[in-house]
Amino acid sequence: MMCTICGCEAHADHEHDTLLEHGHPAGDHVHAGEDALRLDSVHAAGMDGARTVQVERDILSRNAAFAAANRRRLQAAGCLTLNLMSSPGAGKTSLLVSTVGALAGRSTVGVIEGDQQTSLDAQRIRHAGAQAVQINTGRGCHLDAHMVGHALDRIGPPQGGLLFIENVGNLVCPAAFDLGEHRKVVLLSVTEGEDKPLKYPHMFAAADLLLLTKLDLLPHVDFDMERCIAHAHRVRSGLEVLAVSVRTGAGLGDWQAWIERQRAAAVETAVLPR
């Protein structure tokens, strides 16, 4: 059967494909268990528009309950949590490696890594000096709040620190799933084209920050930064935009300052405890 959110393949035994490192189950994926059976029945009956909408609502409602529990847990720990989303190869892991290094000695940092397979990204993060746990989603195209909750059992929210969630590379599904984070950050590399905010509007509408990455490649590609920003603002008026290059270091100070502002704003508005 097909995922009602983005069309990825899902099976009733999908939960066996969704694992933390070392083969520990990450919990029911949104396609697993009751939701998988519900989707099976819809497809067996011939899915129509009304039923598709109801299935999506049921899945997202279940996810929202897990997300609310994650958020309470993160708030109790005073842990600012950022959900990083992008297409594959936009530079999420490289940015996190650089950020972990920059924050060393200043803040406790944890990272939850999401990929369909391998623990390569978690290994890179650990080598940079931060605690990391890998979630492998198998056929899944995004992280959900239940997976993240199980990862929190492993990593433990950094007390008074920062938690980064690197979502599965995908500009569609991750936008729909609240993980309990405080802010959503979407990365777009200059190699991808300035039209992506219009092609994938739900992702950019959900974001609190747009990070334009691989700025050092700008002289070598056909990318109109002003047009890209204008497209992003058509989707979400006032969306904050920063441009960075991990290779040259350009803009990384602005990115780190943005993180500190989110921390201060969260404390000020009681999103995080003082």
C-alpha atoms as a PDB file:
ATOM      1  CA  MET A   1       0.000   0.000   0.000  1.00  0.00           C
ATOM      2  CA  MET A   2       0.991   3.635  -0.266  1.00  0.00           C
ATOM      3  CA  CYS A   3       1.496   6.277   2.369  1.00  0.00           C
ATOM      4  CA  THR A   4      -1.407   8.745   2.287  1.00  0.00           C
ATOM      5  CA  ILE A   5       0.994  11.576   3.105  1.00  0.00           C
ATOM      6  CA  CYS A   6       3.619  11.188   0.362  1.00  0.00           C
ATOM      7  CA  GLY A   7       3.158   7.891  -1.454  1.00  0.00           C
ATOM      8  CA  CYS A   8       6.044   5.928   0.101  1.00  0.00           C
ATOM      9  CA  GLU A   9       5.595   2.172   0.279  1.00  0.00           C
ATOM     10  CA  ALA A  10       4.375   0.840   3.625  1.00  0.00           C
ATOM     11  CA  HIS A  11       3.515  -2.618   4.909  1.00  0.00           C
ATOM     12  CA  ALA A  12       1.593  -3.891   7.900  1.00  0.00           C
ATOM     13  CA  ASP A  13       4.836  -5.217   9.407  1.00  0.00           C
ATOM     14  CA  HIS A  14       6.655  -1.930   8.836  1.00  0.00           C
ATOM     15  CA  GLU A  15       7.476  -1.607  12.512  1.00  0.00           C
ATOM     16  CA  HIS A  16      10.140  -4.278  12.039  1.00  0.00           C
ATOM     17  CA  ASP A  17      11.927  -1.956   9.587  1.00  0.00           C
ATOM     18  CA  THR A  18      11.973   0.987  11.982  1.00  0.00           C
ATOM     19  CA  LEU A  19      14.895   0.462  14.332  1.00  0.00           C
ATOM     20  CA  LEU A  20      17.229   2.319  16.578  1.00  0.00           C
ATOM     21  CA  GLU A  21      20.873   1.353  16.333  1.00  0.00           C
ATOM     22  CA  HIS A  22      21.841  -2.162  17.405  1.00  0.00           C
ATOM     23  CA  GLY A  23      18.413  -3.447  16.313  1.00  0.00           C
ATOM     24  CA  HIS A  24      16.303  -2.009  19.129  1.00  0.00           C
ATOM     25  CA  PRO A  25      12.745  -1.227  17.989  1.00  0.00           C
ATOM     26  CA  ALA A  26      11.980   2.463  17.660  1.00  0.00           C
ATOM     27  CA  GLY A  27       8.330   1.872  18.417  1.00  0.00           C
ATOM     28  CA  ASP A  28       5.332   1.882  16.091  1.00  0.00           C
ATOM     29  CA  HIS A  29       5.887   3.835  12.934  1.00  0.00           C
ATOM     30  CA  VAL A  30       2.874   5.839  11.851  1.00  0.00           C
ATOM     31  CA  HIS A  31       2.175   3.194   9.217  1.00  0.00           C
ATOM     32  CA  ALA A  32       2.472   0.330  11.707  1.00  0.00           C
ATOM     33  CA  GLY A  33       0.038  -1.514  13.943  1.00  0.00           C
ATOM     34  CA  GLU A  34      -3.436  -0.038  14.089  1.00  0.00           C
ATOM     35  CA  ASP A  35      -2.669   2.625  11.504  1.00  0.00           C
ATOM     36  CA  ALA A  36      -1.352   0.047   9.041  1.00  0.00           C
ATOM     37  CA  LEU A  37      -4.483  -2.050   9.493  1.00  0.00           C
ATOM     38  CA  ARG A  38      -6.626   1.042   9.005  1.00  0.00           C
ATOM     39  CA  LEU A  39      -4.776   1.841   5.786  1.00  0.00           C
ATOM     40  CA  ASP A  40      -5.135  -1.772   4.639  1.00  0.00           C
ATOM     41  CA  SER A  41      -8.894  -1.612   5.089  1.00  0.00           C
ATOM     42  CA  VAL A  42      -9.112   1.653   3.189  1.00  0.00           C
ATOM     43  CA  HIS A  43      -7.167   0.268   0.236  1.00  0.00           C
ATOM     44  CA  ALA A  44      -9.148  -2.963   0.272  1.00  0.00           C
ATOM     45  CA  ALA A  45     -12.379  -1.009   0.082  1.00  0.00           C
ATOM     46  CA  GLY A  46     -11.080   1.317  -2.610  1.00  0.00           C
ATOM     47  CA  MET A  47      -9.722   4.538  -1.186  1.00  0.00           C
ATOM     48  CA  ASP A  48     -11.781   7.629  -1.935  1.00  0.00           C
ATOM     49  CA  GLY A  49     -11.058  11.253  -1.073  1.00  0.00           C
ATOM     50  CA  ALA A  50     -13.075  11.370   2.140  1.00  0.00           C
ATOM     51  CA  ARG A  51     -11.534   8.210   3.520  1.00  0.00           C
ATOM     52  CA  THR A  52      -8.031   9.341   2.585  1.00  0.00           C
ATOM     53  CA  VAL A  53      -8.516  12.562   4.518  1.00  0.00           C
ATOM     54  CA  GLN A  54      -9.830  10.673   7.553  1.00  0.00           C
ATOM     55  CA  VAL A  55      -6.873   8.280   7.531  1.00  0.00           C
ATOM     56  CA  GLU A  56      -4.453  11.187   7.375  1.00  0.00           C
ATOM     57  CA  ARG A  57      -6.258  12.897  10.253  1.00  0.00           C
ATOM     58  CA  ASP A  58      -6.129   9.721  12.344  1.00  0.00           C
ATOM     59  CA  ILE A  59      -2.407   9.237  11.706  1.00  0.00           C
ATOM     60  CA  LEU A  60      -1.528  12.849  12.460  1.00  0.00           C
ATOM     61  CA  SER A  61      -3.759  12.907  15.552  1.00  0.00           C
ATOM     62  CA  ARG A  62      -1.957   9.883  16.969  1.00  0.00           C
ATOM     63  CA  ASN A  63       1.386  11.478  16.165  1.00  0.00           C
ATOM     64  CA  ALA A  64       0.324  14.736  17.844  1.00  0.00           C
ATOM     65  CA  ALA A  65      -0.278  12.931  21.140  1.00  0.00           C
ATOM     66  CA  PHE A  66       3.241  11.501  21.101  1.00  0.00           C
ATOM     67  CA  ALA A  67       4.646  14.907  20.092  1.00  0.00           C
ATOM     68  CA  ALA A  68       2.930  16.592  23.033  1.00  0.00           C
ATOM     69  CA  ALA A  69       4.521  14.060  25.402  1.00  0.00           C
ATOM     70  CA  ASN A  70       7.945  14.683  23.835  1.00  0.00           C
ATOM     71  CA  ARG A  71       7.488  18.445  24.188  1.00  0.00           C
ATOM     72  CA  ARG A  72       6.593  18.179  27.882  1.00  0.00           C
ATOM     73  CA  ARG A  73       9.663  16.050  28.470  1.00  0.00           C
ATOM     74  CA  LEU A  74      11.957  18.462  26.598  1.00  0.00           C
ATOM     75  CA  GLN A  75      10.509  21.484  28.378  1.00  0.00           C
ATOM     76  CA  ALA A  76      11.012  19.831  31.745  1.00  0.00           C
ATOM     77  CA  ALA A  77      14.678  19.357  30.846  1.00  0.00           C
ATOM     78  CA  GLY A  78      15.035  22.963  29.670  1.00  0.00           C
ATOM     79  CA  CYS A  79      16.222  21.632  26.325  1.00  0.00           C
ATOM     80  CA  LEU A  80      15.786  23.707  23.171  1.00  0.00           C
ATOM     81  CA  THR A  81      15.039  21.311  20.309  1.00  0.00           C
ATOM     82  CA  LEU A  82      15.478  22.061  16.601  1.00  0.00           C
ATOM     83  CA  ASN A  83      14.151  19.833  13.806  1.00  0.00           C
ATOM     84  CA  LEU A  84      16.396  20.066  10.718  1.00  0.00           C
ATOM     85  CA  MET A  85      14.731  19.103   7.427  1.00  0.00           C
ATOM     86  CA  SER A  86      15.881  19.134   3.809  1.00  0.00           C
ATOM     87  CA  SER A  87      16.284  17.048   0.701  1.00  0.00           C
ATOM     88  CA  PRO A  88      19.136  14.496   0.778  1.00  0.00           C
ATOM     89  CA  GLY A  89      22.555  16.088   0.411  1.00  0.00           C
ATOM     90  CA  ALA A  90      21.646  19.645   1.394  1.00  0.00           C
ATOM     91  CA  GLY A  91      24.268  19.602   4.154  1.00  0.00           C
ATOM     92  CA  LYS A  92      22.410  18.884   7.402  1.00  0.00           C
ATOM     93  CA  THR A  93      25.043  16.588   8.881  1.00  0.00           C
ATOM     94  CA  SER A  94      27.971  18.797   7.851  1.00  0.00           C
ATOM     95  CA  LEU A  95      26.237  21.783   9.449  1.00  0.00           C
ATOM     96  CA  LEU A  96      25.651  19.800  12.651  1.00  0.00           C
ATOM     97  CA  VAL A  97      29.280  18.654  12.826  1.00  0.00           C
ATOM     98  CA  SER A  98      30.385  22.289  12.521  1.00  0.00           C
ATOM     99  CA  THR A  99      27.801  23.465  15.049  1.00  0.00           C
ATOM    100  CA  VAL A 100      28.722  20.792  17.600  1.00  0.00           C
ATOM    101  CA  GLY A 101      32.351  21.901  17.356  1.00  0.00           C
ATOM    102  CA  ALA A 102      31.461  25.570  17.743  1.00  0.00           C
ATOM    103  CA  LEU A 103      29.311  24.912  20.821  1.00  0.00           C
ATOM    104  CA  ALA A 104      31.854  22.677  22.555  1.00  0.00           C
ATOM    105  CA  GLY A 105      32.313  23.829  26.129  1.00  0.00           C
ATOM    106  CA  ARG A 106      29.424  26.295  25.874  1.00  0.00           C
ATOM    107  CA  SER A 107      26.394  24.015  25.804  1.00  0.00           C
ATOM    108  CA  THR A 108      25.535  20.333  26.116  1.00  0.00           C
ATOM    109  CA  VAL A 109      24.407  19.069  22.722  1.00  0.00           C
ATOM    110  CA  GLY A 110      22.581  15.902  21.716  1.00  0.00           C
ATOM    111  CA  VAL A 111      21.614  14.773  18.230  1.00  0.00           C
ATOM    112  CA  ILE A 112      18.967  12.366  16.971  1.00  0.00           C
ATOM    113  CA  GLU A 113      19.833  11.185  13.463  1.00  0.00           C
ATOM    114  CA  GLY A 114      17.187   9.909  11.046  1.00  0.00           C
ATOM    115  CA  ASP A 115      18.026   7.855   7.954  1.00  0.00           C
ATOM    116  CA  GLN A 116      16.529   4.909   6.163  1.00  0.00           C
ATOM    117  CA  GLN A 117      19.707   2.875   6.665  1.00  0.00           C
ATOM    118  CA  THR A 118      23.228   3.031   8.222  1.00  0.00           C
ATOM    119  CA  SER A 119      24.586   4.818  11.283  1.00  0.00           C
ATOM    120  CA  LEU A 120      27.149   6.847   9.324  1.00  0.00           C
ATOM    121  CA  ASP A 121      25.738  10.241  10.329  1.00  0.00           C
ATOM    122  CA  ALA A 122      25.559   9.368  14.030  1.00  0.00           C
ATOM    123  CA  GLN A 123      29.186   8.244  13.857  1.00  0.00           C
ATOM    124  CA  ARG A 124      30.187  11.613  12.380  1.00  0.00           C
ATOM    125  CA  ILE A 125      28.344  13.464  15.144  1.00  0.00           C
ATOM    126  CA  ARG A 126      29.958  11.392  17.888  1.00  0.00           C
ATOM    127  CA  HIS A 127      33.368  11.984  16.351  1.00  0.00           C
ATOM    128  CA  ALA A 128      32.624  15.736  16.521  1.00  0.00           C
ATOM    129  CA  GLY A 129      32.066  15.385  20.280  1.00  0.00           C
ATOM    130  CA  ALA A 130      28.304  15.142  20.819  1.00  0.00           C
ATOM    131  CA  GLN A 131      26.099  12.319  22.004  1.00  0.00           C
ATOM    132  CA  ALA A 132      24.035  10.908  19.144  1.00  0.00           C
ATOM    133  CA  VAL A 133      21.487   8.166  18.557  1.00  0.00           C
ATOM    134  CA  GLN A 134      20.561   6.869  15.108  1.00  0.00           C
ATOM    135  CA  ILE A 135      17.042   5.999  13.986  1.00  0.00           C
ATOM    136  CA  ASN A 136      16.802   3.842  10.847  1.00  0.00           C
ATOM    137  CA  THR A 137      13.349   4.045   9.321  1.00  0.00           C
ATOM    138  CA  GLY A 138      13.674   1.228   6.779  1.00  0.00           C
ATOM    139  CA  ARG A 139      11.153   2.091   4.064  1.00  0.00           C
ATOM    140  CA  GLY A 140       9.897   5.086   6.057  1.00  0.00           C
ATOM    141  CA  CYS A 141      10.345   8.532   4.556  1.00  0.00           C
ATOM    142  CA  HIS A 142      10.275  10.631   7.746  1.00  0.00           C
ATOM    143  CA  LEU A 143      10.663  10.558  11.504  1.00  0.00           C
ATOM    144  CA  ASP A 144       7.565  10.546  13.672  1.00  0.00           C
ATOM    145  CA  ALA A 145       7.057  11.549  17.288  1.00  0.00           C
ATOM    146  CA  HIS A 146       6.881   7.965  18.596  1.00  0.00           C
ATOM    147  CA  MET A 147      10.296   7.183  17.106  1.00  0.00           C
ATOM    148  CA  VAL A 148      11.735  10.324  18.650  1.00  0.00           C
ATOM    149  CA  GLY A 149      10.253   9.448  22.030  1.00  0.00           C
ATOM    150  CA  HIS A 150      12.084   6.126  22.004  1.00  0.00           C
ATOM    151  CA  ALA A 151      15.280   7.875  20.927  1.00  0.00           C
ATOM    152  CA  LEU A 152      14.893  10.235  23.896  1.00  0.00           C
ATOM    153  CA  ASP A 153      14.826   7.171  26.139  1.00  0.00           C
ATOM    154  CA  ARG A 154      18.262   6.331  24.764  1.00  0.00           C
ATOM    155  CA  ILE A 155      19.891   9.741  24.598  1.00  0.00           C
ATOM    156  CA  GLY A 156      18.143  11.595  27.422  1.00  0.00           C
ATOM    157  CA  PRO A 157      17.302  15.277  26.766  1.00  0.00           C
ATOM    158  CA  PRO A 158      20.416  17.376  27.544  1.00  0.00           C
ATOM    159  CA  GLN A 159      19.570  19.275  30.730  1.00  0.00           C
ATOM    160  CA  GLY A 160      19.555  22.972  29.882  1.00  0.00           C
ATOM    161  CA  GLY A 161      21.180  22.172  26.548  1.00  0.00           C
ATOM    162  CA  LEU A 162      20.354  21.730  22.886  1.00  0.00           C
ATOM    163  CA  LEU A 163      18.892  18.817  20.977  1.00  0.00           C
ATOM    164  CA  PHE A 164      19.064  18.660  17.194  1.00  0.00           C
ATOM    165  CA  ILE A 165      16.872  16.238  15.250  1.00  0.00           C
ATOM    166  CA  GLU A 166      18.181  15.540  11.759  1.00  0.00           C
ATOM    167  CA  ASN A 167      15.164  14.312   9.850  1.00  0.00           C
ATOM    168  CA  VAL A 168      15.195  11.885   6.929  1.00  0.00           C
ATOM    169  CA  GLY A 169      16.144  13.647   3.694  1.00  0.00           C
ATOM    170  CA  ASN A 170      12.784  14.494   2.117  1.00  0.00           C
ATOM    171  CA  LEU A 171      11.057  17.787   1.261  1.00  0.00           C
ATOM    172  CA  VAL A 172       7.540  16.352   1.622  1.00  0.00           C
ATOM    173  CA  CYS A 173       6.540  14.161   4.588  1.00  0.00           C
ATOM    174  CA  PRO A 174       8.685  15.544   7.437  1.00  0.00           C
ATOM    175  CA  ALA A 175       6.812  18.849   7.267  1.00  0.00           C
ATOM    176  CA  ALA A 176       3.573  17.174   8.348  1.00  0.00           C
ATOM    177  CA  PHE A 177       4.883  15.463  11.484  1.00  0.00           C
ATOM    178  CA  ASP A 178       5.318  17.356  14.741  1.00  0.00           C
ATOM    179  CA  LEU A 179       8.118  15.719  16.732  1.00  0.00           C
ATOM    180  CA  GLY A 180       7.768  17.855  19.855  1.00  0.00           C
ATOM    181  CA  GLU A 181      10.471  20.271  18.691  1.00  0.00           C
ATOM    182  CA  HIS A 182      10.485  23.994  19.407  1.00  0.00           C
ATOM    183  CA  ARG A 183      11.577  25.187  15.962  1.00  0.00           C
ATOM    184  CA  LYS A 184      11.682  23.735  12.446  1.00  0.00           C
ATOM    185  CA  VAL A 185      14.636  24.602  10.205  1.00  0.00           C
ATOM    186  CA  VAL A 186      14.627  23.817   6.484  1.00  0.00           C
ATOM    187  CA  LEU A 187      17.919  23.685   4.595  1.00  0.00           C
ATOM    188  CA  LEU A 188      18.121  24.371   0.859  1.00  0.00           C
ATOM    189  CA  SER A 189      21.456  24.180  -0.953  1.00  0.00           C
ATOM    190  CA  VAL A 190      22.217  26.578  -3.780  1.00  0.00           C
ATOM    191  CA  THR A 191      22.680  23.548  -6.042  1.00  0.00           C
ATOM    192  CA  GLU A 192      18.975  22.654  -5.815  1.00  0.00           C
ATOM    193  CA  GLY A 193      17.424  25.616  -7.602  1.00  0.00           C
ATOM    194  CA  GLU A 194      15.518  28.649  -6.392  1.00  0.00           C
ATOM    195  CA  ASP A 195      12.095  27.219  -7.286  1.00  0.00           C
ATOM    196  CA  LYS A 196      11.945  24.651  -4.471  1.00  0.00           C
ATOM    197  CA  PRO A 197       9.850  26.795  -2.062  1.00  0.00           C
ATOM    198  CA  LEU A 198       7.109  26.915  -4.719  1.00  0.00           C
ATOM    199  CA  LYS A 199       7.397  23.225  -5.606  1.00  0.00           C
ATOM    200  CA  TYR A 200       7.347  22.048  -1.976  1.00  0.00           C
ATOM    201  CA  PRO A 201       5.321  24.762  -0.233  1.00  0.00           C
ATOM    202  CA  HIS A 202       4.247  22.751   2.820  1.00  0.00           C
ATOM    203  CA  MET A 203       7.846  22.297   3.929  1.00  0.00           C
ATOM    204  CA  PHE A 204       8.688  25.985   3.655  1.00  0.00           C
ATOM    205  CA  ALA A 205       5.372  27.064   5.176  1.00  0.00           C
ATOM    206  CA  ALA A 206       6.117  24.896   8.225  1.00  0.00           C
ATOM    207  CA  ALA A 207       9.640  26.246   8.735  1.00  0.00           C
ATOM    208  CA  ASP A 208      10.733  28.851  11.268  1.00  0.00           C
ATOM    209  CA  LEU A 209      14.042  29.400   9.465  1.00  0.00           C
ATOM    210  CA  LEU A 210      15.327  28.849   5.930  1.00  0.00           C
ATOM    211  CA  LEU A 211      19.043  28.104   5.755  1.00  0.00           C
ATOM    212  CA  LEU A 212      20.543  28.489   2.291  1.00  0.00           C
ATOM    213  CA  THR A 213      23.569  26.189   2.318  1.00  0.00           C
ATOM    214  CA  LYS A 214      26.719  25.588   0.255  1.00  0.00           C
ATOM    215  CA  LEU A 215      27.097  29.318  -0.285  1.00  0.00           C
ATOM    216  CA  ASP A 216      30.667  28.740  -1.505  1.00  0.00           C
ATOM    217  CA  LEU A 217      29.246  27.091  -4.648  1.00  0.00           C
ATOM    218  CA  LEU A 218      27.159  30.108  -5.607  1.00  0.00           C
ATOM    219  CA  PRO A 219      29.652  31.381  -8.243  1.00  0.00           C
ATOM    220  CA  HIS A 220      29.525  27.986  -9.961  1.00  0.00           C
ATOM    221  CA  VAL A 221      25.779  27.387 -10.217  1.00  0.00           C
ATOM    222  CA  ASP A 222      22.782  29.112 -11.749  1.00  0.00           C
ATOM    223  CA  PHE A 223      20.994  30.144  -8.552  1.00  0.00           C
ATOM    224  CA  ASP A 224      19.202  33.439  -7.983  1.00  0.00           C
ATOM    225  CA  MET A 225      19.250  33.968  -4.218  1.00  0.00           C
ATOM    226  CA  GLU A 226      16.917  36.959  -4.245  1.00  0.00           C
ATOM    227  CA  ARG A 227      14.362  35.074  -6.321  1.00  0.00           C
ATOM    228  CA  CYS A 228      14.574  32.054  -4.002  1.00  0.00           C
ATOM    229  CA  ILE A 229      13.968  34.236  -0.955  1.00  0.00           C
ATOM    230  CA  ALA A 230      11.051  35.941  -2.721  1.00  0.00           C
ATOM    231  CA  HIS A 231       9.541  32.519  -3.487  1.00  0.00           C
ATOM    232  CA  ALA A 232       9.967  31.483   0.148  1.00  0.00           C
ATOM    233  CA  HIS A 233       8.247  34.659   1.325  1.00  0.00           C
ATOM    234  CA  ARG A 234       5.339  33.986  -1.045  1.00  0.00           C
ATOM    235  CA  VAL A 235       4.854  30.700   0.813  1.00  0.00           C
ATOM    236  CA  ARG A 236       5.484  32.124   4.283  1.00  0.00           C
ATOM    237  CA  SER A 237       5.602  35.870   4.670  1.00  0.00           C
ATOM    238  CA  GLY A 238       8.393  37.012   6.949  1.00  0.00           C
ATOM    239  CA  LEU A 239      10.222  33.673   7.012  1.00  0.00           C
ATOM    240  CA  GLU A 240      13.707  34.337   8.368  1.00  0.00           C
ATOM    241  CA  VAL A 241      16.505  33.430   5.955  1.00  0.00           C
ATOM    242  CA  LEU A 242      20.212  32.885   6.562  1.00  0.00           C
ATOM    243  CA  ALA A 243      22.931  31.844   4.085  1.00  0.00           C
ATOM    244  CA  VAL A 244      25.868  29.698   5.200  1.00  0.00           C
ATOM    245  CA  SER A 245      28.866  27.761   3.963  1.00  0.00           C
ATOM    246  CA  VAL A 246      30.313  25.074   6.189  1.00  0.00           C
ATOM    247  CA  ARG A 247      33.367  24.882   3.946  1.00  0.00           C
ATOM    248  CA  THR A 248      34.326  28.572   4.251  1.00  0.00           C
ATOM    249  CA  GLY A 249      32.584  29.383   7.543  1.00  0.00           C
ATOM    250  CA  ALA A 250      30.523  32.155   5.960  1.00  0.00           C
ATOM    251  CA  GLY A 251      27.318  32.841   7.872  1.00  0.00           C
ATOM    252  CA  LEU A 252      27.956  30.276  10.611  1.00  0.00           C
ATOM    253  CA  GLY A 253      28.200  33.007  13.235  1.00  0.00           C
ATOM    254  CA  ASP A 254      24.731  34.206  12.188  1.00  0.00           C
ATOM    255  CA  TRP A 255      23.413  30.643  12.495  1.00  0.00           C
ATOM    256  CA  GLN A 256      24.851  30.260  15.987  1.00  0.00           C
ATOM    257  CA  ALA A 257      23.451  33.660  16.987  1.00  0.00           C
ATOM    258  CA  TRP A 258      20.022  32.564  15.725  1.00  0.00           C
ATOM    259  CA  ILE A 259      20.212  29.477  17.936  1.00  0.00           C
ATOM    260  CA  GLU A 260      21.037  31.629  20.958  1.00  0.00           C
ATOM    261  CA  ARG A 261      18.102  33.948  20.167  1.00  0.00           C
ATOM    262  CA  GLN A 262      15.748  30.977  20.048  1.00  0.00           C
ATOM    263  CA  ARG A 263      17.029  29.840  23.396  1.00  0.00           C
ATOM    264  CA  ALA A 264      16.506  33.295  24.901  1.00  0.00           C
ATOM    265  CA  ALA A 265      13.065  33.684  23.338  1.00  0.00           C
ATOM    266  CA  ALA A 266      11.989  30.253  24.540  1.00  0.00           C
ATOM    267  CA  VAL A 267      12.984  31.073  28.093  1.00  0.00           C
ATOM    268  CA  GLU A 268      11.321  34.481  27.916  1.00  0.00           C
ATOM    269  CA  THR A 269       8.013  33.025  26.730  1.00  0.00           C
ATOM    270  CA  ALA A 270       8.197  30.125  29.204  1.00  0.00           C
ATOM    271  CA  VAL A 271       8.457  27.543  26.420  1.00  0.00           C
ATOM    272  CA  LEU A 272      11.428  26.316  28.418  1.00  0.00           C
ATOM    273  CA  PRO A 273      11.708  26.564  32.208  1.00  0.00           C
ATOM    274  CA  ARG A 274      14.125  29.090  33.649  1.00  0.00           C
END
